[in-house]
Amino acid sequence: MSTRRFFTFCIFLSMTLFFVTMAMAQEVTVAQVVVCRDVVDRMPVGSSDVMPAGTERVFCYTRINGAQGETTITHNWYYKGALKASVVLPVRTSDWRTWSSKNLLPEWTGEWMVEVLSKDGAPLESIVFFVK
């Protein structure tokens, strides 16, 4: 094989691999994220950005789009800036609903945030809510 043909073949192969990789690396996005009082039949119930003091448990419901094959997301639960829980959740299809929950102590009033991270730790979305 001549040097020129070999070089052309290498360029062709590189470009093909690049486009295949780009097609497979479709970005995972958050289509919906809500904080709610419950999840029933895979749907959020009682969503609000303010939960009453004395609420014993809250849920973070997340709908994910764009996953190619199985992956994971992480819900990081923060109370007044301090990490209280980190929950890894499976994502098994390109349109996936998942959730995590956090039991709340009565004295945990104030600002909360749930951060949604991709499998590689990149921030996808966050939601702030208050317990008052």
Protein backbone atom coordinates (compact mmCIF):
# COMPACT_ATOMS: atom_id res chain seq x y z
CA MET A 1 0.00 0.00 0.00
CA SER A 2 1.39 3.39 -0.94
CA THR A 3 2.04 6.05 1.69
CA ARG A 4 -0.65 8.28 0.22
CA ARG A 5 -3.30 5.51 0.30
CA PHE A 6 -2.29 4.56 3.84
CA PHE A 7 -2.58 8.20 4.93
CA THR A 8 -6.01 8.54 3.26
CA PHE A 9 -7.15 5.30 4.91
CA CYS A 10 -6.01 6.55 8.35
CA ILE A 11 -7.88 9.85 7.88
CA PHE A 12 -11.02 7.97 6.79
CA LEU A 13 -10.80 5.60 9.74
CA SER A 14 -10.23 8.46 12.21
CA MET A 15 -13.21 10.43 10.88
CA THR A 16 -15.45 7.36 10.97
CA LEU A 17 -14.50 6.63 14.58
CA PHE A 18 -15.04 10.28 15.51
CA PHE A 19 -18.58 10.38 14.09
CA VAL A 20 -19.53 7.01 15.58
CA THR A 21 -18.27 8.15 18.99
CA MET A 22 -20.19 11.43 18.72
CA ALA A 23 -23.39 9.60 17.82
CA MET A 24 -22.98 7.23 20.77
CA ALA A 25 -22.13 9.99 23.26
CA GLN A 26 -25.53 11.62 23.14
CA GLU A 27 -25.86 13.88 26.16
CA VAL A 28 -27.94 12.90 29.18
CA THR A 29 -30.29 15.72 30.16
CA VAL A 30 -32.74 16.37 32.97
CA ALA A 31 -36.22 16.81 31.52
CA GLN A 32 -37.86 17.34 34.93
CA VAL A 33 -36.79 17.61 38.55
CA VAL A 34 -39.19 18.29 41.43
CA VAL A 35 -39.21 17.93 45.18
CA CYS A 36 -42.40 16.30 46.41
CA ARG A 37 -44.08 14.60 49.37
CA ASP A 38 -44.47 11.21 47.63
CA VAL A 39 -44.11 9.27 44.38
CA VAL A 40 -47.13 7.21 43.30
CA ASP A 41 -47.23 5.15 40.11
CA ARG A 42 -43.86 6.68 39.15
CA MET A 43 -45.28 10.21 39.28
CA PRO A 44 -44.54 12.99 41.82
CA VAL A 45 -47.30 13.89 44.29
CA GLY A 46 -47.41 17.09 46.32
CA SER A 47 -44.57 18.92 44.60
CA SER A 48 -43.57 22.23 46.14
CA ASP A 49 -40.56 24.42 46.78
CA VAL A 50 -41.72 24.84 50.41
CA MET A 51 -42.36 21.87 52.68
CA PRO A 52 -43.99 22.39 56.07
CA ALA A 53 -41.85 22.00 59.19
CA GLY A 54 -42.44 18.55 60.63
CA THR A 55 -42.41 16.87 57.22
CA GLU A 56 -40.75 13.53 57.90
CA ARG A 57 -39.70 12.58 54.36
CA VAL A 58 -39.27 14.32 51.01
CA PHE A 59 -38.56 12.94 47.55
CA CYS A 60 -36.56 14.28 44.63
CA TYR A 61 -38.16 13.02 41.41
CA THR A 62 -36.06 13.25 38.24
CA ARG A 63 -36.88 12.45 34.63
CA ILE A 64 -33.81 11.79 32.48
CA ASN A 65 -33.62 11.92 28.67
CA GLY A 66 -30.92 10.91 26.21
CA ALA A 67 -29.19 8.00 27.94
CA GLN A 68 -27.70 5.52 25.50
CA GLY A 69 -27.65 2.22 27.35
CA GLU A 70 -27.42 1.92 31.11
CA THR A 71 -25.81 4.67 33.15
CA THR A 72 -26.30 6.35 36.51
CA ILE A 73 -27.06 9.75 37.99
CA THR A 74 -26.42 10.93 41.52
CA HIS A 75 -28.66 12.96 43.81
CA ASN A 76 -26.62 14.97 46.31
CA TRP A 77 -28.79 16.31 49.15
CA TYR A 78 -27.48 19.50 50.82
CA TYR A 79 -28.83 21.19 53.96
CA LYS A 80 -27.59 24.75 54.45
CA GLY A 81 -24.64 23.96 52.18
CA ALA A 82 -23.59 20.75 53.97
CA LEU A 83 -23.83 17.43 52.11
CA LYS A 84 -26.29 15.20 53.99
CA ALA A 85 -26.71 12.32 51.51
CA SER A 86 -25.46 11.10 48.16
CA VAL A 87 -27.64 8.59 46.30
CA VAL A 88 -26.57 6.84 43.07
CA LEU A 89 -29.56 5.95 40.88
CA PRO A 90 -29.67 3.73 37.79
CA VAL A 91 -30.81 5.06 34.41
CA ARG A 92 -31.70 2.22 32.07
CA THR A 93 -33.38 3.81 29.02
CA SER A 94 -33.37 7.08 27.07
CA ASP A 95 -36.52 8.27 28.89
CA TRP A 96 -36.19 7.26 32.55
CA ARG A 97 -37.94 8.35 35.74
CA THR A 98 -36.19 7.88 39.06
CA TRP A 99 -36.19 9.34 42.56
CA SER A 100 -34.49 9.36 45.91
CA SER A 101 -35.82 10.39 49.30
CA LYS A 102 -34.49 11.98 52.45
CA ASN A 103 -35.81 11.52 55.98
CA LEU A 104 -35.81 14.88 57.75
CA LEU A 105 -35.15 15.55 61.40
CA PRO A 106 -37.56 18.07 63.01
CA GLU A 107 -34.76 20.62 63.52
CA TRP A 108 -33.74 20.57 59.83
CA THR A 109 -35.68 23.65 58.78
CA GLY A 110 -34.36 26.11 56.25
CA GLU A 111 -32.77 25.83 52.83
CA TRP A 112 -32.17 22.50 51.08
CA MET A 113 -30.77 21.74 47.64
CA VAL A 114 -30.63 18.58 45.58
CA GLU A 115 -27.93 18.51 42.92
CA VAL A 116 -28.27 16.05 40.03
CA LEU A 117 -24.96 14.79 38.64
CA SER A 118 -24.12 12.68 35.61
CA LYS A 119 -22.21 9.40 35.93
CA ASP A 120 -18.93 11.28 35.48
CA GLY A 121 -19.85 13.85 38.15
CA ALA A 122 -20.85 16.71 35.85
CA PRO A 123 -23.70 18.85 37.24
CA LEU A 124 -26.89 18.39 35.23
CA GLU A 125 -29.43 20.30 37.32
CA SER A 126 -30.21 21.43 40.85
CA ILE A 127 -33.34 22.32 42.77
CA VAL A 128 -33.68 24.41 45.92
CA PHE A 129 -36.49 23.98 48.42
CA PHE A 130 -37.26 25.15 51.93
CA VAL A 131 -38.60 23.46 55.03
CA LYS A 132 -40.59 26.07 57.01
